[in-house]
Amino acid sequence: MRTNEPNFMKLEFASRSENEAFARVAVASFIAQLDPTMNELTDIKTVVSEAVTNAIIHGYDNAANEIITIIAEIAGEQITITVQDTGAGIVDLEQARQPLFTSKPEMERSGMGFTIMENFMDEVEIVTGVGKGTIVKMTKRIESKKALYN
């Protein structure tokens, strides 16, 4: 039985590419209590993957000994996911939010990370400081499958 009390989890892990899948599964497991649809669950896993990958590749330039922090909060039917790094930060946030823009073209990056986050979530807030890191806060209302059948 769910209550109206907010619930949260906090996860810190090394900025290694192999931990991206771990982050996806951890957040997906946490939000399972909302009984999301398969599409909602896929959307959440995708945005976590994009945000974590951005932190690893752009924030930390693939340095494996840094820390990525994820906080997931559930309040009612809403999930808020915050992915934070203390890496390089984003020099031009508006440019970085443009579809197909990438600061790592030599790595054949698609430049769609923020676009995907903004399309799959209800709200995306990005706070960044050059040399201080980036915080990506994403919010989505989950339509409980139980509500769909009543």
N, C-alpha and C. Protein backbone atom coordinates (compact mmCIF):
# COMPACT_ATOMS: atom_id res chain seq x y z
N MET A 1 0.84 -1.18 0.00
CA MET A 1 0.00 0.00 0.00
C MET A 1 0.88 1.24 0.00
N ARG A 2 0.64 2.13 -0.95
CA ARG A 2 1.40 3.37 -1.02
C ARG A 2 0.77 4.41 -0.12
N THR A 3 1.63 5.24 0.44
CA THR A 3 1.14 6.38 1.21
C THR A 3 1.46 7.64 0.43
N ASN A 4 1.00 8.76 0.94
CA ASN A 4 1.29 10.04 0.30
C ASN A 4 2.63 10.61 0.76
N GLU A 5 3.30 9.91 1.65
CA GLU A 5 4.62 10.36 2.12
C GLU A 5 5.63 10.23 0.99
N PRO A 6 6.42 11.28 0.74
CA PRO A 6 7.46 11.16 -0.29
C PRO A 6 8.47 10.06 0.06
N ASN A 7 9.03 9.45 -0.95
CA ASN A 7 10.03 8.41 -0.81
C ASN A 7 11.21 8.80 -1.68
N PHE A 8 12.42 8.38 -1.29
CA PHE A 8 13.57 8.75 -2.09
C PHE A 8 14.67 7.71 -1.98
N MET A 9 15.60 7.79 -2.91
CA MET A 9 16.82 6.99 -2.87
C MET A 9 17.97 7.87 -3.34
N LYS A 10 19.15 7.58 -2.85
CA LYS A 10 20.35 8.29 -3.27
C LYS A 10 21.41 7.24 -3.59
N LEU A 11 22.05 7.42 -4.74
CA LEU A 11 23.02 6.46 -5.22
C LEU A 11 24.26 7.21 -5.70
N GLU A 12 25.43 6.78 -5.25
CA GLU A 12 26.68 7.34 -5.73
C GLU A 12 27.51 6.20 -6.31
N PHE A 13 28.13 6.47 -7.46
CA PHE A 13 28.92 5.43 -8.09
C PHE A 13 30.03 6.06 -8.92
N ALA A 14 31.03 5.24 -9.24
CA ALA A 14 32.17 5.69 -10.03
C ALA A 14 31.74 6.02 -11.46
N SER A 15 32.38 7.01 -12.02
CA SER A 15 32.05 7.49 -13.37
C SER A 15 32.64 6.57 -14.45
N ARG A 16 32.26 5.33 -14.38
CA ARG A 16 32.72 4.32 -15.35
C ARG A 16 31.55 3.96 -16.25
N SER A 17 31.82 3.78 -17.53
CA SER A 17 30.75 3.51 -18.48
C SER A 17 29.97 2.24 -18.13
N GLU A 18 30.63 1.26 -17.54
CA GLU A 18 29.93 0.03 -17.19
C GLU A 18 28.90 0.22 -16.06
N ASN A 19 28.96 1.35 -15.35
CA ASN A 19 27.99 1.63 -14.29
C ASN A 19 26.72 2.29 -14.81
N GLU A 20 26.70 2.66 -16.06
CA GLU A 20 25.50 3.27 -16.65
C GLU A 20 24.32 2.30 -16.59
N ALA A 21 24.53 1.04 -16.92
CA ALA A 21 23.45 0.05 -16.88
C ALA A 21 22.97 -0.17 -15.44
N PHE A 22 23.90 -0.17 -14.50
CA PHE A 22 23.55 -0.30 -13.08
C PHE A 22 22.63 0.84 -12.66
N ALA A 23 22.96 2.07 -13.05
CA ALA A 23 22.15 3.23 -12.69
C ALA A 23 20.74 3.11 -13.25
N ARG A 24 20.64 2.68 -14.51
CA ARG A 24 19.33 2.51 -15.15
C ARG A 24 18.46 1.53 -14.37
N VAL A 25 19.04 0.38 -14.04
CA VAL A 25 18.29 -0.67 -13.36
C VAL A 25 17.92 -0.25 -11.94
N ALA A 26 18.83 0.43 -11.25
CA ALA A 26 18.55 0.88 -9.88
C ALA A 26 17.37 1.84 -9.85
N VAL A 27 17.37 2.82 -10.74
CA VAL A 27 16.26 3.78 -10.77
C VAL A 27 14.97 3.09 -11.22
N ALA A 28 15.05 2.22 -12.21
CA ALA A 28 13.86 1.49 -12.66
C ALA A 28 13.27 0.64 -11.54
N SER A 29 14.12 0.01 -10.76
CA SER A 29 13.65 -0.81 -9.63
C SER A 29 12.96 0.06 -8.59
N PHE A 30 13.52 1.22 -8.35
CA PHE A 30 12.94 2.13 -7.35
C PHE A 30 11.56 2.62 -7.79
N ILE A 31 11.40 3.00 -9.06
CA ILE A 31 10.11 3.54 -9.50
C ILE A 31 9.07 2.45 -9.77
N ALA A 32 9.48 1.19 -9.72
CA ALA A 32 8.53 0.09 -9.95
C ALA A 32 7.35 0.16 -8.99
N GLN A 33 7.57 0.73 -7.80
CA GLN A 33 6.49 0.84 -6.82
C GLN A 33 5.33 1.71 -7.31
N LEU A 34 5.56 2.53 -8.34
CA LEU A 34 4.48 3.34 -8.93
C LEU A 34 3.70 2.56 -9.98
N ASP A 35 4.15 1.35 -10.28
CA ASP A 35 3.51 0.51 -11.28
C ASP A 35 3.42 1.21 -12.64
N PRO A 36 4.57 1.68 -13.16
CA PRO A 36 4.56 2.40 -14.44
C PRO A 36 4.24 1.47 -15.60
N THR A 37 3.80 2.06 -16.70
CA THR A 37 3.62 1.29 -17.92
C THR A 37 5.00 0.93 -18.46
N MET A 38 5.05 0.00 -19.39
CA MET A 38 6.34 -0.39 -19.98
C MET A 38 6.97 0.80 -20.70
N ASN A 39 6.16 1.61 -21.39
CA ASN A 39 6.69 2.79 -22.07
C ASN A 39 7.29 3.80 -21.08
N GLU A 40 6.59 4.02 -19.97
CA GLU A 40 7.12 4.95 -18.95
C GLU A 40 8.42 4.43 -18.37
N LEU A 41 8.48 3.15 -18.10
CA LEU A 41 9.70 2.56 -17.56
C LEU A 41 10.85 2.68 -18.55
N THR A 42 10.56 2.42 -19.82
CA THR A 42 11.59 2.56 -20.86
C THR A 42 12.06 4.01 -20.96
N ASP A 43 11.13 4.96 -20.91
CA ASP A 43 11.49 6.38 -20.95
C ASP A 43 12.41 6.75 -19.79
N ILE A 44 12.07 6.31 -18.60
CA ILE A 44 12.88 6.62 -17.40
C ILE A 44 14.27 6.02 -17.54
N LYS A 45 14.35 4.77 -17.95
CA LYS A 45 15.66 4.12 -18.12
C LYS A 45 16.49 4.84 -19.17
N THR A 46 15.85 5.30 -20.22
CA THR A 46 16.57 6.00 -21.29
C THR A 46 17.12 7.33 -20.81
N VAL A 47 16.32 8.12 -20.09
CA VAL A 47 16.81 9.42 -19.64
C VAL A 47 17.91 9.29 -18.60
N VAL A 48 17.81 8.28 -17.75
CA VAL A 48 18.89 8.03 -16.79
C VAL A 48 20.17 7.68 -17.54
N SER A 49 20.04 6.84 -18.54
CA SER A 49 21.19 6.46 -19.35
C SER A 49 21.83 7.68 -20.02
N GLU A 50 21.01 8.54 -20.60
CA GLU A 50 21.52 9.74 -21.27
C GLU A 50 22.22 10.67 -20.29
N ALA A 51 21.62 10.91 -19.15
CA ALA A 51 22.20 11.83 -18.17
C ALA A 51 23.51 11.28 -17.59
N VAL A 52 23.53 10.00 -17.29
CA VAL A 52 24.75 9.38 -16.75
C VAL A 52 25.86 9.37 -17.81
N THR A 53 25.51 9.04 -19.02
CA THR A 53 26.49 9.03 -20.10
C THR A 53 27.07 10.42 -20.32
N ASN A 54 26.20 11.45 -20.29
CA ASN A 54 26.70 12.82 -20.41
C ASN A 54 27.69 13.16 -19.30
N ALA A 55 27.39 12.75 -18.07
CA ALA A 55 28.28 13.02 -16.95
C ALA A 55 29.64 12.35 -17.16
N ILE A 56 29.60 11.10 -17.60
CA ILE A 56 30.85 10.35 -17.82
C ILE A 56 31.67 10.96 -18.95
N ILE A 57 31.04 11.16 -20.09
CA ILE A 57 31.77 11.58 -21.29
C ILE A 57 32.10 13.07 -21.28
N HIS A 58 31.12 13.89 -20.98
CA HIS A 58 31.32 15.33 -21.06
C HIS A 58 31.77 15.94 -19.73
N GLY A 59 31.14 15.52 -18.66
CA GLY A 59 31.49 16.08 -17.35
C GLY A 59 32.87 15.68 -16.89
N TYR A 60 33.18 14.40 -17.03
CA TYR A 60 34.44 13.87 -16.50
C TYR A 60 35.43 13.44 -17.58
N ASP A 61 35.09 13.64 -18.85
CA ASP A 61 35.99 13.28 -19.95
C ASP A 61 36.51 11.85 -19.80
N ASN A 62 35.58 10.95 -19.44
CA ASN A 62 35.86 9.51 -19.27
C ASN A 62 36.81 9.17 -18.13
N ALA A 63 37.06 10.08 -17.21
CA ALA A 63 37.86 9.75 -16.03
C ALA A 63 37.03 8.81 -15.14
N ALA A 64 37.56 7.64 -14.84
CA ALA A 64 36.79 6.60 -14.17
C ALA A 64 36.77 6.71 -12.64
N ASN A 65 37.49 7.66 -12.08
CA ASN A 65 37.60 7.72 -10.61
C ASN A 65 36.80 8.86 -10.00
N GLU A 66 35.85 9.43 -10.76
CA GLU A 66 35.01 10.51 -10.25
C GLU A 66 33.68 9.93 -9.76
N ILE A 67 32.84 10.78 -9.17
CA ILE A 67 31.58 10.33 -8.57
C ILE A 67 30.39 10.94 -9.31
N ILE A 68 29.43 10.10 -9.62
CA ILE A 68 28.13 10.53 -10.14
C ILE A 68 27.11 10.22 -9.05
N THR A 69 26.22 11.18 -8.81
CA THR A 69 25.18 11.01 -7.80
C THR A 69 23.82 11.05 -8.47
N ILE A 70 22.98 10.09 -8.11
CA ILE A 70 21.60 10.08 -8.57
C ILE A 70 20.70 10.10 -7.34
N ILE A 71 19.74 11.00 -7.37
CA ILE A 71 18.69 11.02 -6.35
C ILE A 71 17.37 10.86 -7.09
N ALA A 72 16.59 9.90 -6.67
CA ALA A 72 15.25 9.70 -7.23
C ALA A 72 14.25 9.90 -6.10
N GLU A 73 13.22 10.69 -6.38
CA GLU A 73 12.21 11.00 -5.38
C GLU A 73 10.82 10.71 -5.96
N ILE A 74 9.99 10.10 -5.14
CA ILE A 74 8.61 9.86 -5.51
C ILE A 74 7.73 10.65 -4.57
N ALA A 75 6.85 11.46 -5.15
CA ALA A 75 5.86 12.21 -4.38
C ALA A 75 4.53 12.03 -5.10
N GLY A 76 3.64 11.26 -4.51
CA GLY A 76 2.38 10.95 -5.18
C GLY A 76 2.64 10.15 -6.43
N GLU A 77 2.19 10.64 -7.57
CA GLU A 77 2.37 9.96 -8.85
C GLU A 77 3.56 10.54 -9.64
N GLN A 78 4.34 11.38 -8.99
CA GLN A 78 5.43 12.07 -9.69
C GLN A 78 6.79 11.53 -9.27
N ILE A 79 7.65 11.32 -10.27
CA ILE A 79 9.03 10.91 -10.04
C ILE A 79 9.93 12.07 -10.44
N THR A 80 10.91 12.36 -9.58
CA THR A 80 11.93 13.36 -9.89
C THR A 80 13.27 12.66 -9.81
N ILE A 81 14.05 12.78 -10.86
CA ILE A 81 15.37 12.15 -10.92
C ILE A 81 16.41 13.25 -11.11
N THR A 82 17.39 13.26 -10.23
CA THR A 82 18.47 14.23 -10.32
C THR A 82 19.77 13.48 -10.54
N VAL A 83 20.49 13.85 -11.59
CA VAL A 83 21.80 13.26 -11.89
C VAL A 83 22.81 14.39 -11.80
N GLN A 84 23.82 14.19 -10.95
CA GLN A 84 24.77 15.27 -10.66
C GLN A 84 26.21 14.79 -10.81
N ASP A 85 27.03 15.67 -11.41
CA ASP A 85 28.47 15.45 -11.45
C ASP A 85 29.16 16.73 -11.00
N THR A 86 30.42 16.62 -10.65
CA THR A 86 31.21 17.79 -10.25
C THR A 86 32.34 18.02 -11.25
N GLY A 87 32.04 17.74 -12.50
CA GLY A 87 33.04 17.80 -13.55
C GLY A 87 33.18 19.15 -14.22
N ALA A 88 33.37 19.12 -15.53
CA ALA A 88 33.74 20.29 -16.32
C ALA A 88 32.65 21.36 -16.41
N GLY A 89 31.40 20.97 -16.28
CA GLY A 89 30.32 21.92 -16.51
C GLY A 89 30.11 22.14 -18.00
N ILE A 90 29.09 22.93 -18.34
CA ILE A 90 28.75 23.18 -19.74
C ILE A 90 29.01 24.65 -20.03
N VAL A 91 29.84 24.89 -21.03
CA VAL A 91 30.23 26.27 -21.38
C VAL A 91 29.03 27.05 -21.91
N ASP A 92 28.26 26.48 -22.84
CA ASP A 92 27.12 27.16 -23.46
C ASP A 92 25.91 26.23 -23.37
N LEU A 93 25.13 26.39 -22.33
CA LEU A 93 24.00 25.49 -22.09
C LEU A 93 22.97 25.55 -23.21
N GLU A 94 22.64 26.74 -23.70
CA GLU A 94 21.65 26.83 -24.78
C GLU A 94 22.11 26.08 -26.02
N GLN A 95 23.38 26.19 -26.35
CA GLN A 95 23.93 25.46 -27.50
C GLN A 95 23.88 23.95 -27.24
N ALA A 96 24.23 23.55 -26.02
CA ALA A 96 24.24 22.13 -25.66
C ALA A 96 22.84 21.52 -25.73
N ARG A 97 21.81 22.32 -25.54
CA ARG A 97 20.44 21.82 -25.57
C ARG A 97 19.90 21.70 -27.00
N GLN A 98 20.62 22.17 -27.98
CA GLN A 98 20.16 22.11 -29.36
C GLN A 98 20.31 20.67 -29.90
N PRO A 99 19.28 20.18 -30.60
CA PRO A 99 19.39 18.84 -31.19
C PRO A 99 20.60 18.74 -32.11
N LEU A 100 21.28 17.64 -32.03
CA LEU A 100 22.43 17.27 -32.85
C LEU A 100 23.72 17.98 -32.49
N PHE A 101 23.69 18.89 -31.48
CA PHE A 101 24.94 19.51 -31.07
C PHE A 101 25.72 18.54 -30.17
N THR A 102 27.00 18.40 -30.42
CA THR A 102 27.86 17.61 -29.54
C THR A 102 29.21 18.30 -29.41
N SER A 103 29.76 18.24 -28.23
CA SER A 103 31.10 18.80 -28.02
C SER A 103 32.16 17.73 -28.25
N LYS A 104 31.72 16.51 -28.59
CA LYS A 104 32.64 15.39 -28.82
C LYS A 104 32.37 14.74 -30.18
N PRO A 105 32.47 15.50 -31.29
CA PRO A 105 32.17 14.89 -32.60
C PRO A 105 33.13 13.77 -32.97
N GLU A 106 34.35 13.82 -32.43
CA GLU A 106 35.33 12.77 -32.73
C GLU A 106 34.90 11.42 -32.15
N MET A 107 34.00 11.45 -31.18
CA MET A 107 33.50 10.21 -30.58
C MET A 107 32.21 9.74 -31.24
N GLU A 108 31.80 10.42 -32.30
CA GLU A 108 30.57 10.10 -33.00
C GLU A 108 29.36 10.12 -32.08
N ARG A 109 29.29 11.13 -31.22
CA ARG A 109 28.14 11.32 -30.33
C ARG A 109 26.99 11.88 -31.15
N SER A 110 25.76 11.52 -30.80
CA SER A 110 24.59 11.94 -31.58
C SER A 110 24.16 13.36 -31.27
N GLY A 111 24.48 13.86 -30.08
CA GLY A 111 24.04 15.20 -29.72
C GLY A 111 22.56 15.26 -29.40
N MET A 112 21.96 14.14 -29.03
CA MET A 112 20.52 14.09 -28.77
C MET A 112 20.17 13.89 -27.30
N GLY A 113 21.16 13.86 -26.41
CA GLY A 113 20.91 13.56 -25.00
C GLY A 113 19.88 14.45 -24.35
N PHE A 114 20.10 15.78 -24.38
CA PHE A 114 19.15 16.69 -23.75
C PHE A 114 17.80 16.68 -24.47
N THR A 115 17.81 16.54 -25.79
CA THR A 115 16.57 16.49 -26.55
C THR A 115 15.74 15.28 -26.13
N ILE A 116 16.39 14.13 -25.97
CA ILE A 116 15.69 12.93 -25.52
C ILE A 116 15.12 13.14 -24.12
N MET A 117 15.93 13.69 -23.22
CA MET A 117 15.46 13.95 -21.86
C MET A 117 14.23 14.85 -21.88
N GLU A 118 14.28 15.92 -22.67
CA GLU A 118 13.18 16.88 -22.71
C GLU A 118 11.92 16.29 -23.35
N ASN A 119 12.08 15.35 -24.28
CA ASN A 119 10.92 14.73 -24.92
C ASN A 119 10.29 13.62 -24.09
N PHE A 120 11.09 12.93 -23.27
CA PHE A 120 10.58 11.81 -22.49
C PHE A 120 10.08 12.21 -21.11
N MET A 121 10.47 13.39 -20.64
CA MET A 121 10.08 13.83 -19.30
C MET A 121 9.15 15.03 -19.40
N ASP A 122 8.41 15.29 -18.32
CA ASP A 122 7.51 16.45 -18.30
C ASP A 122 8.29 17.75 -18.13
N GLU A 123 9.36 17.69 -17.36
CA GLU A 123 10.15 18.88 -17.07
C GLU A 123 11.62 18.49 -16.92
N VAL A 124 12.51 19.30 -17.47
CA VAL A 124 13.95 19.10 -17.33
C VAL A 124 14.58 20.43 -16.96
N GLU A 125 15.31 20.43 -15.87
CA GLU A 125 16.02 21.63 -15.41
C GLU A 125 17.51 21.30 -15.36
N ILE A 126 18.32 22.16 -15.93
CA ILE A 126 19.77 21.93 -15.95
C ILE A 126 20.46 23.12 -15.28
N VAL A 127 21.27 22.82 -14.28
CA VAL A 127 22.07 23.84 -13.60
C VAL A 127 23.53 23.44 -13.80
N THR A 128 24.33 24.36 -14.30
CA THR A 128 25.71 24.02 -14.60
C THR A 128 26.63 25.20 -14.31
N GLY A 129 27.86 24.89 -14.02
CA GLY A 129 28.88 25.90 -13.83
C GLY A 129 30.20 25.38 -14.36
N VAL A 130 30.85 26.15 -15.19
CA VAL A 130 32.12 25.71 -15.77
C VAL A 130 33.10 25.44 -14.62
N GLY A 131 33.65 24.24 -14.63
CA GLY A 131 34.57 23.80 -13.60
C GLY A 131 33.91 23.37 -12.30
N LYS A 132 32.58 23.42 -12.25
CA LYS A 132 31.85 23.08 -11.03
C LYS A 132 30.93 21.88 -11.19
N GLY A 133 30.60 21.54 -12.45
CA GLY A 133 29.75 20.39 -12.68
C GLY A 133 28.37 20.74 -13.19
N THR A 134 27.54 19.72 -13.28
CA THR A 134 26.20 19.86 -13.86
C THR A 134 25.21 19.05 -13.03
N ILE A 135 24.04 19.64 -12.85
CA ILE A 135 22.92 18.96 -12.21
C ILE A 135 21.78 18.93 -13.22
N VAL A 136 21.29 17.73 -13.51
CA VAL A 136 20.14 17.56 -14.40
C VAL A 136 19.00 17.02 -13.56
N LYS A 137 17.93 17.80 -13.45
CA LYS A 137 16.76 17.42 -12.65
C LYS A 137 15.59 17.21 -13.60
N MET A 138 15.05 15.98 -13.59
CA MET A 138 13.99 15.60 -14.53
C MET A 138 12.77 15.11 -13.76
N THR A 139 11.59 15.55 -14.19
CA THR A 139 10.36 15.20 -13.50
C THR A 139 9.36 14.62 -14.48
N LYS A 140 8.63 13.60 -14.01
CA LYS A 140 7.59 12.98 -14.85
C LYS A 140 6.48 12.46 -13.95
N ARG A 141 5.25 12.67 -14.39
CA ARG A 141 4.09 12.08 -13.71
C ARG A 141 3.89 10.70 -14.29
N ILE A 142 3.75 9.72 -13.42
CA ILE A 142 3.57 8.32 -13.83
C ILE A 142 2.09 7.98 -13.78
N GLU A 143 1.58 7.49 -14.89
CA GLU A 143 0.20 7.03 -14.97
C GLU A 143 0.16 5.58 -14.49
N SER A 144 -0.29 5.36 -13.31
CA SER A 144 -0.34 4.01 -12.76
C SER A 144 -1.21 3.11 -13.64
N LYS A 145 -0.70 1.92 -13.94
CA LYS A 145 -1.47 0.95 -14.74
C LYS A 145 -2.79 0.62 -14.04
N LYS A 146 -2.76 0.62 -12.73
CA LYS A 146 -3.98 0.31 -11.98
C LYS A 146 -5.07 1.34 -12.31
N ALA A 147 -4.67 2.61 -12.42
CA ALA A 147 -5.64 3.66 -12.74
C ALA A 147 -6.20 3.49 -14.14
N LEU A 148 -5.42 2.92 -15.06
CA LEU A 148 -5.88 2.73 -16.43
C LEU A 148 -6.99 1.68 -16.52
N TYR A 149 -7.02 0.75 -15.59
CA TYR A 149 -7.99 -0.33 -15.64
C TYR A 149 -9.22 -0.10 -14.78
N ASN A 150 -9.26 1.00 -14.06
CA ASN A 150 -10.42 1.29 -13.19
C ASN A 150 -11.38 2.22 -13.85
